[in-house]
Amino acid sequence: MSTTKAVIPGSFDPITYGHIDIIDRSADRFD
């Protein structure tokens, strides 16, 4: 089984709840 990885580039300084939400929702689509 192969794994799928995602890279989420960006300037996360400071990280916000919006950034965390996008990362959490995107992580559901990848291993």
PDB file of N, CA and C in Angstrom:
ATOM      1  N   MET A   1       0.846  -1.171   0.000  1.00  0.00           N
ATOM      2  CA  MET A   1       0.000   0.000   0.000  1.00  0.00           C
ATOM      3  C   MET A   1       0.897   1.241   0.000  1.00  0.00           C
ATOM      4  N   SER A   2       0.649   2.142  -0.888  1.00  0.00           N
ATOM      5  CA  SER A   2       1.437   3.374  -0.931  1.00  0.00           C
ATOM      6  C   SER A   2       0.757   4.452  -0.091  1.00  0.00           C
ATOM      7  N   THR A   3       1.559   5.351   0.408  1.00  0.00           N
ATOM      8  CA  THR A   3       1.008   6.451   1.188  1.00  0.00           C
ATOM      9  C   THR A   3       1.012   7.715   0.348  1.00  0.00           C
ATOM     10  N   THR A   4       0.092   8.572   0.641  1.00  0.00           N
ATOM     11  CA  THR A   4      -0.007   9.854  -0.037  1.00  0.00           C
ATOM     12  C   THR A   4       0.329  10.939   0.970  1.00  0.00           C
ATOM     13  N   LYS A   5       1.206  11.835   0.583  1.00  0.00           N
ATOM     14  CA  LYS A   5       1.616  12.914   1.472  1.00  0.00           C
ATOM     15  C   LYS A   5       1.224  14.245   0.870  1.00  0.00           C
ATOM     16  N   ALA A   6       0.990  15.201   1.736  1.00  0.00           N
ATOM     17  CA  ALA A   6       0.636  16.544   1.292  1.00  0.00           C
ATOM     18  C   ALA A   6       1.601  17.544   1.901  1.00  0.00           C
ATOM     19  N   VAL A   7       1.906  18.571   1.141  1.00  0.00           N
ATOM     20  CA  VAL A   7       2.717  19.676   1.628  1.00  0.00           C
ATOM     21  C   VAL A   7       1.831  20.910   1.586  1.00  0.00           C
ATOM     22  N   ILE A   8       1.757  21.589   2.701  1.00  0.00           N
ATOM     23  CA  ILE A   8       0.928  22.789   2.771  1.00  0.00           C
ATOM     24  C   ILE A   8       1.861  23.981   2.976  1.00  0.00           C
ATOM     25  N   PRO A   9       2.270  24.608   1.876  1.00  0.00           N
ATOM     26  CA  PRO A   9       3.188  25.741   2.010  1.00  0.00           C
ATOM     27  C   PRO A   9       2.449  26.997   2.468  1.00  0.00           C
ATOM     28  N   GLY A  10       3.156  27.858   3.097  1.00  0.00           N
ATOM     29  CA  GLY A  10       2.544  29.114   3.486  1.00  0.00           C
ATOM     30  C   GLY A  10       3.343  29.814   4.560  1.00  0.00           C
ATOM     31  N   SER A  11       2.911  30.997   4.860  1.00  0.00           N
ATOM     32  CA  SER A  11       3.509  31.772   5.937  1.00  0.00           C
ATOM     33  C   SER A  11       2.555  31.695   7.119  1.00  0.00           C
ATOM     34  N   PHE A  12       2.888  30.869   8.069  1.00  0.00           N
ATOM     35  CA  PHE A  12       1.998  30.621   9.202  1.00  0.00           C
ATOM     36  C   PHE A  12       2.529  31.297  10.459  1.00  0.00           C
ATOM     37  N   ASP A  13       2.890  32.561  10.331  1.00  0.00           N
ATOM     38  CA  ASP A  13       3.437  33.287  11.468  1.00  0.00           C
ATOM     39  C   ASP A  13       2.692  34.594  11.629  1.00  0.00           C
ATOM     40  N   PRO A  14       1.755  34.666  12.513  1.00  0.00           N
ATOM     41  CA  PRO A  14       1.364  33.643  13.487  1.00  0.00           C
ATOM     42  C   PRO A  14       0.339  32.695  12.884  1.00  0.00           C
ATOM     43  N   ILE A  15       0.330  31.464  13.368  1.00  0.00           N
ATOM     44  CA  ILE A  15      -0.670  30.496  12.909  1.00  0.00           C
ATOM     45  C   ILE A  15      -2.018  30.875  13.518  1.00  0.00           C
ATOM     46  N   THR A  16      -3.065  30.750  12.725  1.00  0.00           N
ATOM     47  CA  THR A  16      -4.401  31.110  13.200  1.00  0.00           C
ATOM     48  C   THR A  16      -5.299  29.880  13.186  1.00  0.00           C
ATOM     49  N   TYR A  17      -6.473  30.012  13.787  1.00  0.00           N
ATOM     50  CA  TYR A  17      -7.434  28.906  13.772  1.00  0.00           C
ATOM     51  C   TYR A  17      -7.862  28.575  12.346  1.00  0.00           C
ATOM     52  N   GLY A  18      -7.854  29.552  11.457  1.00  0.00           N
ATOM     53  CA  GLY A  18      -8.168  29.300  10.051  1.00  0.00           C
ATOM     54  C   GLY A  18      -7.135  28.394   9.402  1.00  0.00           C
ATOM     55  N   HIS A  19      -5.850  28.639   9.704  1.00  0.00           N
ATOM     56  CA  HIS A  19      -4.788  27.770   9.190  1.00  0.00           C
ATOM     57  C   HIS A  19      -4.970  26.347   9.711  1.00  0.00           C
ATOM     58  N   ILE A  20      -5.221  26.232  11.008  1.00  0.00           N
ATOM     59  CA  ILE A  20      -5.385  24.910  11.625  1.00  0.00           C
ATOM     60  C   ILE A  20      -6.574  24.183  11.014  1.00  0.00           C
ATOM     61  N   ASP A  21      -7.658  24.902  10.750  1.00  0.00           N
ATOM     62  CA  ASP A  21      -8.846  24.293  10.149  1.00  0.00           C
ATOM     63  C   ASP A  21      -8.540  23.756   8.752  1.00  0.00           C
ATOM     64  N   ILE A  22      -7.847  24.530   7.945  1.00  0.00           N
ATOM     65  CA  ILE A  22      -7.495  24.087   6.594  1.00  0.00           C
ATOM     66  C   ILE A  22      -6.591  22.863   6.649  1.00  0.00           C
ATOM     67  N   ILE A  23      -5.614  22.873   7.545  1.00  0.00           N
ATOM     68  CA  ILE A  23      -4.702  21.738   7.683  1.00  0.00           C
ATOM     69  C   ILE A  23      -5.458  20.498   8.141  1.00  0.00           C
ATOM     70  N   ASP A  24      -6.345  20.643   9.126  1.00  0.00           N
ATOM     71  CA  ASP A  24      -7.127  19.495   9.619  1.00  0.00           C
ATOM     72  C   ASP A  24      -8.021  18.914   8.528  1.00  0.00           C
ATOM     73  N   ARG A  25      -8.705  19.780   7.782  1.00  0.00           N
ATOM     74  CA  ARG A  25      -9.593  19.280   6.724  1.00  0.00           C
ATOM     75  C   ARG A  25      -8.804  18.643   5.591  1.00  0.00           C
ATOM     76  N   SER A  26      -7.641  19.199   5.283  1.00  0.00           N
ATOM     77  CA  SER A  26      -6.802  18.623   4.229  1.00  0.00           C
ATOM     78  C   SER A  26      -6.201  17.296   4.659  1.00  0.00           C
ATOM     79  N   ALA A  27      -5.849  17.169   5.921  1.00  0.00           N
ATOM     80  CA  ALA A  27      -5.213  15.947   6.425  1.00  0.00           C
ATOM     81  C   ALA A  27      -6.132  14.743   6.296  1.00  0.00           C
ATOM     82  N   ASP A  28      -7.431  14.949   6.316  1.00  0.00           N
ATOM     83  CA  ASP A  28      -8.379  13.839   6.166  1.00  0.00           C
ATOM     84  C   ASP A  28      -8.275  13.187   4.790  1.00  0.00           C
ATOM     85  N   ARG A  29      -7.770  13.902   3.817  1.00  0.00           N
ATOM     86  CA  ARG A  29      -7.683  13.378   2.448  1.00  0.00           C
ATOM     87  C   ARG A  29      -6.381  12.637   2.166  1.00  0.00           C
ATOM     88  N   PHE A  30      -5.420  12.738   3.080  1.00  0.00           N
ATOM     89  CA  PHE A  30      -4.100  12.151   2.867  1.00  0.00           C
ATOM     90  C   PHE A  30      -3.744  11.231   4.020  1.00  0.00           C
ATOM     91  N   ASP A  31      -2.765  10.355   3.779  1.00  0.00           N
ATOM     92  CA  ASP A  31      -2.304   9.423   4.813  1.00  0.00           C
ATOM     93  C   ASP A  31      -1.328  10.103   5.748  1.00  0.00           C
TER      94      ASP A  31
END
